[in-house]
N, C-alpha and C. Protein backbone atom coordinates (compact mmCIF):
# COMPACT_ATOMS: atom_id res chain seq x y z
N MET A 1 -0.29 23.75 -9.03
CA MET A 1 -0.96 22.48 -8.83
C MET A 1 -0.30 21.78 -7.64
N LEU A 2 -1.11 21.31 -6.75
CA LEU A 2 -0.64 20.57 -5.60
C LEU A 2 -0.56 19.10 -5.97
N LYS A 3 0.62 18.52 -5.82
CA LYS A 3 0.72 17.08 -6.07
C LYS A 3 1.82 16.48 -5.21
N LEU A 4 1.67 15.19 -4.95
CA LEU A 4 2.66 14.47 -4.15
C LEU A 4 3.92 14.26 -4.97
N THR A 5 5.04 14.18 -4.28
CA THR A 5 6.27 13.81 -4.97
C THR A 5 6.17 12.34 -5.35
N LYS A 6 6.97 11.95 -6.30
CA LYS A 6 6.98 10.56 -6.73
C LYS A 6 7.38 9.65 -5.57
N LYS A 7 8.32 10.11 -4.74
CA LYS A 7 8.75 9.32 -3.59
C LYS A 7 7.61 9.11 -2.59
N ALA A 8 6.84 10.17 -2.32
CA ALA A 8 5.71 10.04 -1.39
C ALA A 8 4.66 9.10 -1.96
N ASP A 9 4.42 9.21 -3.27
CA ASP A 9 3.49 8.32 -3.94
C ASP A 9 3.96 6.87 -3.80
N TYR A 10 5.23 6.62 -4.04
CA TYR A 10 5.78 5.27 -3.90
C TYR A 10 5.68 4.79 -2.46
N GLY A 11 5.89 5.69 -1.50
CA GLY A 11 5.76 5.32 -0.09
C GLY A 11 4.35 4.89 0.25
N LEU A 12 3.36 5.62 -0.24
CA LEU A 12 1.96 5.23 -0.01
C LEU A 12 1.65 3.90 -0.66
N ILE A 13 2.15 3.69 -1.88
CA ILE A 13 1.95 2.42 -2.58
C ILE A 13 2.55 1.28 -1.76
N ALA A 14 3.76 1.47 -1.26
CA ALA A 14 4.44 0.41 -0.50
C ALA A 14 3.70 0.08 0.79
N VAL A 15 3.29 1.10 1.53
CA VAL A 15 2.60 0.87 2.81
C VAL A 15 1.25 0.21 2.56
N LYS A 16 0.54 0.65 1.52
CA LYS A 16 -0.74 0.02 1.17
C LYS A 16 -0.52 -1.44 0.77
N HIS A 17 0.54 -1.71 0.02
CA HIS A 17 0.86 -3.08 -0.39
C HIS A 17 1.10 -3.95 0.85
N LEU A 18 1.85 -3.44 1.79
CA LEU A 18 2.13 -4.20 3.02
C LEU A 18 0.85 -4.41 3.83
N ALA A 19 -0.04 -3.44 3.84
CA ALA A 19 -1.32 -3.58 4.55
C ALA A 19 -2.15 -4.68 3.92
N GLU A 20 -2.14 -4.77 2.60
CA GLU A 20 -2.92 -5.79 1.91
C GLU A 20 -2.26 -7.16 2.00
N ALA A 21 -0.95 -7.20 2.23
CA ALA A 21 -0.23 -8.47 2.35
C ALA A 21 -0.64 -9.20 3.62
N GLY A 22 -1.07 -8.48 4.63
CA GLY A 22 -1.54 -9.11 5.85
C GLY A 22 -0.45 -9.36 6.87
N GLU A 23 -0.85 -9.93 7.97
CA GLU A 23 0.01 -10.14 9.13
C GLU A 23 1.16 -11.12 8.95
N PRO A 24 0.93 -12.35 8.45
CA PRO A 24 1.95 -13.39 8.61
C PRO A 24 3.26 -13.15 7.87
N GLY A 25 3.21 -12.59 6.67
CA GLY A 25 4.43 -12.50 5.90
C GLY A 25 4.94 -11.09 5.75
N SER A 26 6.19 -11.01 5.31
CA SER A 26 6.76 -9.71 5.03
C SER A 26 7.09 -9.65 3.55
N CYS A 27 7.30 -8.46 3.04
CA CYS A 27 7.61 -8.27 1.64
C CYS A 27 8.95 -7.57 1.52
N SER A 28 9.72 -7.94 0.54
CA SER A 28 11.01 -7.30 0.31
C SER A 28 10.82 -6.07 -0.57
N ALA A 29 11.85 -5.24 -0.61
CA ALA A 29 11.83 -4.07 -1.50
C ALA A 29 11.70 -4.54 -2.94
N LYS A 30 12.35 -5.64 -3.26
CA LYS A 30 12.30 -6.18 -4.62
C LYS A 30 10.87 -6.60 -4.97
N ASP A 31 10.19 -7.30 -4.05
CA ASP A 31 8.81 -7.73 -4.28
C ASP A 31 7.90 -6.55 -4.60
N ILE A 32 7.99 -5.52 -3.78
CA ILE A 32 7.12 -4.35 -3.94
C ILE A 32 7.48 -3.61 -5.23
N ALA A 33 8.77 -3.41 -5.46
CA ALA A 33 9.22 -2.69 -6.66
C ALA A 33 8.75 -3.40 -7.93
N GLU A 34 8.89 -4.71 -7.97
CA GLU A 34 8.49 -5.48 -9.16
C GLU A 34 6.97 -5.46 -9.35
N ALA A 35 6.22 -5.49 -8.26
CA ALA A 35 4.76 -5.50 -8.35
C ALA A 35 4.21 -4.23 -9.00
N TYR A 36 4.93 -3.11 -8.85
CA TYR A 36 4.42 -1.83 -9.34
C TYR A 36 5.31 -1.17 -10.39
N GLY A 37 6.37 -1.85 -10.81
CA GLY A 37 7.25 -1.28 -11.83
C GLY A 37 8.02 -0.07 -11.33
N ILE A 38 8.41 -0.12 -10.06
CA ILE A 38 9.17 0.97 -9.43
C ILE A 38 10.63 0.53 -9.36
N PRO A 39 11.58 1.43 -9.64
CA PRO A 39 13.00 1.05 -9.52
C PRO A 39 13.32 0.54 -8.11
N GLN A 40 13.96 -0.61 -8.04
CA GLN A 40 14.24 -1.24 -6.74
C GLN A 40 15.10 -0.37 -5.82
N PRO A 41 16.16 0.29 -6.32
CA PRO A 41 16.96 1.13 -5.41
C PRO A 41 16.13 2.26 -4.79
N ALA A 42 15.23 2.84 -5.57
CA ALA A 42 14.36 3.90 -5.04
C ALA A 42 13.44 3.34 -3.97
N MET A 43 12.86 2.18 -4.23
CA MET A 43 11.95 1.56 -3.25
C MET A 43 12.70 1.22 -1.97
N ALA A 44 13.91 0.71 -2.09
CA ALA A 44 14.70 0.37 -0.91
C ALA A 44 14.95 1.60 -0.04
N LYS A 45 15.29 2.73 -0.65
CA LYS A 45 15.53 3.97 0.11
C LYS A 45 14.26 4.46 0.78
N ILE A 46 13.15 4.37 0.08
CA ILE A 46 11.86 4.80 0.64
C ILE A 46 11.48 3.93 1.83
N LEU A 47 11.64 2.62 1.68
CA LEU A 47 11.30 1.71 2.78
C LEU A 47 12.19 1.97 4.00
N GLN A 48 13.46 2.29 3.77
CA GLN A 48 14.35 2.59 4.90
C GLN A 48 13.91 3.87 5.62
N LYS A 49 13.44 4.87 4.87
CA LYS A 49 12.91 6.09 5.50
C LYS A 49 11.69 5.76 6.35
N LEU A 50 10.85 4.86 5.84
CA LEU A 50 9.65 4.48 6.58
C LEU A 50 10.00 3.68 7.84
N VAL A 51 11.07 2.89 7.78
CA VAL A 51 11.55 2.18 8.97
C VAL A 51 12.07 3.20 9.98
N LYS A 52 12.88 4.13 9.51
CA LYS A 52 13.49 5.14 10.39
C LYS A 52 12.42 5.99 11.08
N SER A 53 11.30 6.22 10.40
CA SER A 53 10.22 7.02 10.99
C SER A 53 9.31 6.19 11.90
N GLY A 54 9.53 4.88 11.96
CA GLY A 54 8.74 4.03 12.85
C GLY A 54 7.45 3.50 12.25
N LEU A 55 7.25 3.67 10.95
CA LEU A 55 6.03 3.17 10.32
C LEU A 55 6.15 1.72 9.88
N LEU A 56 7.38 1.28 9.60
CA LEU A 56 7.64 -0.10 9.19
C LEU A 56 8.68 -0.73 10.10
N ILE A 57 8.69 -2.06 10.09
CA ILE A 57 9.72 -2.83 10.78
C ILE A 57 10.43 -3.66 9.73
N SER A 58 11.74 -3.67 9.80
CA SER A 58 12.56 -4.41 8.85
C SER A 58 13.06 -5.69 9.51
N HIS A 59 12.92 -6.83 8.82
CA HIS A 59 13.43 -8.11 9.29
C HIS A 59 14.53 -8.55 8.35
N GLN A 60 15.67 -8.93 8.90
CA GLN A 60 16.81 -9.38 8.11
C GLN A 60 16.75 -10.89 7.89
N GLY A 61 17.52 -11.38 6.96
CA GLY A 61 17.63 -12.82 6.75
C GLY A 61 16.90 -13.32 5.53
N ILE A 62 16.88 -14.64 5.39
CA ILE A 62 16.30 -15.29 4.21
C ILE A 62 14.83 -14.94 4.05
N ASN A 63 14.07 -14.99 5.12
CA ASN A 63 12.64 -14.66 5.06
C ASN A 63 12.38 -13.22 5.49
N GLY A 64 13.39 -12.38 5.35
CA GLY A 64 13.29 -10.99 5.78
C GLY A 64 12.44 -10.15 4.86
N GLY A 65 12.29 -8.93 5.24
CA GLY A 65 11.50 -7.99 4.47
C GLY A 65 10.93 -6.94 5.40
N TYR A 66 9.84 -6.35 4.98
CA TYR A 66 9.22 -5.26 5.71
C TYR A 66 7.79 -5.61 6.11
N VAL A 67 7.39 -5.15 7.28
CA VAL A 67 6.01 -5.27 7.76
C VAL A 67 5.61 -3.94 8.39
N LEU A 68 4.32 -3.71 8.49
CA LEU A 68 3.83 -2.50 9.15
C LEU A 68 4.16 -2.55 10.63
N ALA A 69 4.54 -1.43 11.20
CA ALA A 69 4.84 -1.35 12.63
C ALA A 69 3.56 -1.27 13.46
N ARG A 70 2.47 -0.79 12.84
CA ARG A 70 1.17 -0.68 13.50
C ARG A 70 0.10 -1.16 12.54
N ALA A 71 -1.08 -1.33 13.05
CA ALA A 71 -2.22 -1.70 12.20
C ALA A 71 -2.43 -0.61 11.15
N ALA A 72 -2.85 -1.02 9.95
CA ALA A 72 -3.05 -0.08 8.85
C ALA A 72 -4.06 1.01 9.21
N LYS A 73 -5.02 0.70 10.05
CA LYS A 73 -6.01 1.72 10.44
C LYS A 73 -5.41 2.79 11.35
N ASN A 74 -4.22 2.52 11.89
CA ASN A 74 -3.55 3.47 12.78
C ASN A 74 -2.39 4.20 12.12
N ILE A 75 -2.28 4.10 10.81
CA ILE A 75 -1.25 4.82 10.06
C ILE A 75 -1.96 5.73 9.07
N SER A 76 -1.71 7.02 9.15
CA SER A 76 -2.38 7.96 8.25
C SER A 76 -1.54 8.22 7.00
N ALA A 77 -2.23 8.64 5.95
CA ALA A 77 -1.54 9.01 4.71
C ALA A 77 -0.57 10.16 5.00
N LEU A 78 -0.94 11.08 5.87
CA LEU A 78 -0.07 12.20 6.19
C LEU A 78 1.23 11.73 6.84
N GLU A 79 1.16 10.74 7.72
CA GLU A 79 2.37 10.21 8.35
C GLU A 79 3.35 9.67 7.31
N VAL A 80 2.82 8.96 6.33
CA VAL A 80 3.67 8.39 5.29
C VAL A 80 4.31 9.51 4.47
N ILE A 81 3.51 10.49 4.08
CA ILE A 81 4.01 11.60 3.27
C ILE A 81 5.09 12.37 4.04
N ARG A 82 4.84 12.65 5.31
CA ARG A 82 5.83 13.37 6.13
C ARG A 82 7.12 12.56 6.30
N ALA A 83 6.98 11.25 6.44
CA ALA A 83 8.17 10.41 6.61
C ALA A 83 9.06 10.47 5.37
N ILE A 84 8.47 10.62 4.22
CA ILE A 84 9.22 10.65 2.97
C ILE A 84 9.68 12.07 2.63
N ASP A 85 8.78 13.03 2.68
CA ASP A 85 9.06 14.39 2.19
C ASP A 85 9.25 15.44 3.27
N GLY A 86 8.96 15.12 4.51
CA GLY A 86 9.00 16.14 5.55
C GLY A 86 7.68 16.87 5.60
N PRO A 87 7.66 18.05 6.22
CA PRO A 87 6.41 18.81 6.37
C PRO A 87 5.78 19.13 5.02
N LEU A 88 4.46 19.19 5.02
CA LEU A 88 3.69 19.44 3.81
C LEU A 88 3.25 20.90 3.78
N PHE A 89 3.69 21.63 2.74
CA PHE A 89 3.31 23.03 2.56
C PHE A 89 2.83 23.21 1.13
N ILE A 90 1.73 23.94 0.95
CA ILE A 90 1.29 24.22 -0.43
C ILE A 90 1.98 25.46 -0.99
N THR A 91 2.51 26.31 -0.10
CA THR A 91 3.29 27.46 -0.54
C THR A 91 4.53 27.56 0.33
N SER A 92 5.55 28.19 -0.17
CA SER A 92 6.78 28.33 0.62
C SER A 92 6.58 29.25 1.81
N CYS A 93 5.62 30.17 1.72
CA CYS A 93 5.40 31.09 2.84
C CYS A 93 4.72 30.40 4.03
N ALA A 94 4.20 29.21 3.81
CA ALA A 94 3.58 28.48 4.93
C ALA A 94 4.63 27.99 5.91
N ASP A 95 5.88 27.95 5.45
CA ASP A 95 7.00 27.55 6.30
C ASP A 95 7.43 28.76 7.11
N GLU A 96 7.10 28.77 8.39
CA GLU A 96 7.38 29.92 9.25
C GLU A 96 8.86 30.28 9.30
N LYS A 97 9.76 29.31 9.18
CA LYS A 97 11.19 29.55 9.30
C LYS A 97 11.72 30.42 8.16
N ASN A 98 11.27 30.14 6.94
CA ASN A 98 11.83 30.82 5.77
C ASN A 98 11.19 32.18 5.50
N GLY A 99 9.97 32.36 5.92
CA GLY A 99 9.30 33.63 5.73
C GLY A 99 9.15 34.01 4.27
N CYS A 100 8.76 35.26 4.06
CA CYS A 100 8.52 35.75 2.70
C CYS A 100 8.76 37.25 2.69
N TYR A 101 9.39 37.75 1.66
CA TYR A 101 9.64 39.19 1.59
C TYR A 101 8.34 39.99 1.43
N GLN A 102 7.26 39.34 1.03
CA GLN A 102 5.96 39.99 0.89
C GLN A 102 5.12 39.87 2.16
N GLY A 103 5.67 39.27 3.21
CA GLY A 103 4.92 38.95 4.42
C GLY A 103 4.10 40.08 4.98
N SER A 104 4.63 41.28 5.04
CA SER A 104 3.89 42.40 5.65
C SER A 104 2.75 42.90 4.77
N LYS A 105 2.80 42.63 3.47
CA LYS A 105 1.78 43.13 2.53
C LYS A 105 0.86 42.03 2.01
N CYS A 106 1.15 40.79 2.34
CA CYS A 106 0.44 39.65 1.75
C CYS A 106 -1.00 39.58 2.25
N THR A 107 -1.93 39.44 1.32
CA THR A 107 -3.34 39.35 1.68
C THR A 107 -3.89 37.92 1.57
N VAL A 108 -3.06 36.99 1.11
CA VAL A 108 -3.54 35.61 0.93
C VAL A 108 -2.85 34.62 1.87
N ARG A 109 -1.94 35.11 2.68
CA ARG A 109 -1.19 34.21 3.57
C ARG A 109 -2.12 33.42 4.49
N GLU A 110 -3.02 34.11 5.15
CA GLU A 110 -3.92 33.44 6.10
C GLU A 110 -4.88 32.49 5.40
N PRO A 111 -5.53 32.88 4.30
CA PRO A 111 -6.38 31.92 3.60
C PRO A 111 -5.60 30.68 3.12
N LEU A 112 -4.40 30.89 2.63
CA LEU A 112 -3.60 29.74 2.17
C LEU A 112 -3.15 28.87 3.34
N ARG A 113 -2.90 29.48 4.49
CA ARG A 113 -2.56 28.70 5.68
C ARG A 113 -3.73 27.80 6.06
N LYS A 114 -4.95 28.33 5.93
CA LYS A 114 -6.14 27.54 6.24
C LYS A 114 -6.32 26.40 5.24
N VAL A 115 -6.05 26.66 3.97
CA VAL A 115 -6.12 25.59 2.96
C VAL A 115 -5.11 24.51 3.29
N ASN A 116 -3.88 24.92 3.60
CA ASN A 116 -2.82 23.96 3.95
C ASN A 116 -3.23 23.12 5.15
N GLN A 117 -3.77 23.78 6.16
CA GLN A 117 -4.22 23.08 7.37
C GLN A 117 -5.34 22.08 7.05
N SER A 118 -6.28 22.48 6.19
CA SER A 118 -7.38 21.59 5.81
C SER A 118 -6.87 20.36 5.06
N ILE A 119 -5.93 20.57 4.16
CA ILE A 119 -5.36 19.44 3.41
C ILE A 119 -4.68 18.47 4.37
N GLN A 120 -3.93 19.01 5.32
CA GLN A 120 -3.26 18.15 6.29
C GLN A 120 -4.27 17.38 7.14
N GLN A 121 -5.36 18.02 7.51
CA GLN A 121 -6.39 17.35 8.31
C GLN A 121 -7.03 16.21 7.51
N VAL A 122 -7.28 16.43 6.23
CA VAL A 122 -7.85 15.38 5.39
C VAL A 122 -6.89 14.19 5.32
N LEU A 123 -5.63 14.47 5.04
CA LEU A 123 -4.63 13.39 4.94
C LEU A 123 -4.43 12.67 6.27
N GLU A 124 -4.62 13.40 7.38
CA GLU A 124 -4.51 12.79 8.71
C GLU A 124 -5.67 11.83 8.96
N ARG A 125 -6.85 12.14 8.42
CA ARG A 125 -8.04 11.30 8.63
C ARG A 125 -8.06 10.07 7.73
N ILE A 126 -7.31 10.08 6.65
CA ILE A 126 -7.30 8.94 5.74
C ILE A 126 -6.23 7.96 6.21
N SER A 127 -6.68 6.79 6.64
CA SER A 127 -5.73 5.77 7.08
C SER A 127 -5.34 4.88 5.90
N ILE A 128 -4.27 4.16 6.07
CA ILE A 128 -3.84 3.21 5.05
C ILE A 128 -4.93 2.14 4.85
N ALA A 129 -5.61 1.78 5.93
CA ALA A 129 -6.71 0.80 5.81
C ALA A 129 -7.81 1.35 4.90
N ASP A 130 -8.04 2.66 4.94
CA ASP A 130 -9.05 3.28 4.07
C ASP A 130 -8.66 3.18 2.60
N MET A 131 -7.38 3.05 2.33
CA MET A 131 -6.87 3.01 0.96
C MET A 131 -6.85 1.61 0.37
N LYS A 132 -7.07 0.60 1.21
CA LYS A 132 -7.03 -0.78 0.72
C LYS A 132 -8.12 -1.04 -0.31
N GLU A 133 -7.84 -1.95 -1.23
CA GLU A 133 -8.80 -2.32 -2.26
C GLU A 133 -9.98 -3.05 -1.63
N PRO A 134 -11.20 -2.84 -2.13
CA PRO A 134 -12.34 -3.56 -1.57
C PRO A 134 -12.23 -5.06 -1.86
N PRO A 135 -12.63 -5.90 -0.91
CA PRO A 135 -12.62 -7.34 -1.12
C PRO A 135 -13.59 -7.74 -2.23
N GLN A 136 -13.44 -8.95 -2.74
CA GLN A 136 -14.23 -9.42 -3.87
C GLN A 136 -15.61 -9.95 -3.48
N SER A 137 -15.75 -10.57 -2.32
CA SER A 137 -17.05 -11.15 -1.95
C SER A 137 -18.05 -10.05 -1.58
N GLU A 138 -19.34 -10.33 -1.75
CA GLU A 138 -20.37 -9.34 -1.48
C GLU A 138 -20.40 -8.95 0.00
N GLN A 139 -20.26 -9.94 0.89
CA GLN A 139 -20.26 -9.67 2.32
C GLN A 139 -19.07 -8.80 2.70
N SER A 140 -17.91 -9.10 2.13
CA SER A 140 -16.71 -8.32 2.41
C SER A 140 -16.84 -6.91 1.88
N GLN A 141 -17.52 -6.74 0.73
CA GLN A 141 -17.71 -5.41 0.17
C GLN A 141 -18.59 -4.57 1.09
N ASP A 142 -19.61 -5.18 1.71
CA ASP A 142 -20.46 -4.46 2.65
C ASP A 142 -19.64 -3.99 3.84
N GLN A 143 -18.77 -4.86 4.34
CA GLN A 143 -17.91 -4.51 5.47
C GLN A 143 -16.95 -3.39 5.07
N TYR A 144 -16.40 -3.47 3.86
CA TYR A 144 -15.49 -2.44 3.36
C TYR A 144 -16.22 -1.10 3.27
N ALA A 145 -17.43 -1.11 2.74
CA ALA A 145 -18.22 0.12 2.61
C ALA A 145 -18.47 0.74 3.98
N GLU A 146 -18.75 -0.11 4.96
CA GLU A 146 -18.99 0.37 6.31
C GLU A 146 -17.73 1.01 6.90
N GLU A 147 -16.57 0.36 6.68
CA GLU A 147 -15.31 0.87 7.20
C GLU A 147 -14.96 2.22 6.58
N THR A 148 -15.15 2.34 5.27
CA THR A 148 -14.76 3.57 4.59
C THR A 148 -15.79 4.68 4.71
N SER A 149 -16.97 4.38 5.18
CA SER A 149 -18.00 5.41 5.31
C SER A 149 -17.66 6.42 6.39
N ARG A 150 -16.72 6.11 7.25
CA ARG A 150 -16.35 7.06 8.29
C ARG A 150 -15.64 8.28 7.73
N ILE A 151 -15.21 8.22 6.49
CA ILE A 151 -14.66 9.41 5.83
C ILE A 151 -15.80 10.05 5.06
N ASP A 152 -16.31 11.13 5.57
CA ASP A 152 -17.42 11.84 4.94
C ASP A 152 -16.88 12.60 3.74
N GLN A 153 -17.21 12.14 2.55
CA GLN A 153 -16.67 12.71 1.33
C GLN A 153 -17.05 14.18 1.15
N HIS A 154 -18.15 14.62 1.71
CA HIS A 154 -18.57 16.00 1.56
C HIS A 154 -17.90 16.92 2.57
N GLN A 155 -17.27 16.37 3.56
CA GLN A 155 -16.63 17.17 4.60
C GLN A 155 -15.11 17.05 4.57
N LEU A 156 -14.54 16.66 3.44
CA LEU A 156 -13.09 16.48 3.36
C LEU A 156 -12.35 17.78 3.60
N VAL A 157 -12.78 18.85 2.98
CA VAL A 157 -12.09 20.13 3.15
C VAL A 157 -13.11 21.21 3.46
N THR A 158 -12.90 21.86 4.59
CA THR A 158 -13.74 22.99 4.95
C THR A 158 -12.82 24.13 5.40
N LEU A 159 -13.16 25.32 5.02
CA LEU A 159 -12.39 26.49 5.43
C LEU A 159 -13.21 27.27 6.43
N ASN A 160 -12.64 27.50 7.58
CA ASN A 160 -13.32 28.30 8.61
C ASN A 160 -12.99 29.77 8.38
N ARG A 161 -13.99 30.59 8.44
CA ARG A 161 -13.76 32.04 8.23
C ARG A 161 -13.53 32.75 9.50
């Protein structure tokens, strides 16, 4: 089963939270951790990784906290996952450095490489702005639907033969 690590999940939650918080203010690790019931030390480490990768900016002081380094529409889910977990592989053989003792006989390596590539492409196309909750007003919901329609749900994963 392919699933995100808990840290990557928390990273996506944090970045989405900051995107929804908007431009003027910043949020602390404590604010985000309390909002989602995440341990504060874990959230602080995740936020520091996101700062180090250039996705967030950290402000020190009384009104300090974290803000997005770029607009939410310009940050992909894949960037957040990579910042937390490193490269994304569905199998260990997808990592060219480590190889596999079955490499010369393997008949599924290439199909699995294509699946891995497709998953990465999907995550690259999903921006943090796409993950934001829809607004409550009817007019805002129409705008939200228009913004998210650029992700064609039927074309999320395709395998080229």
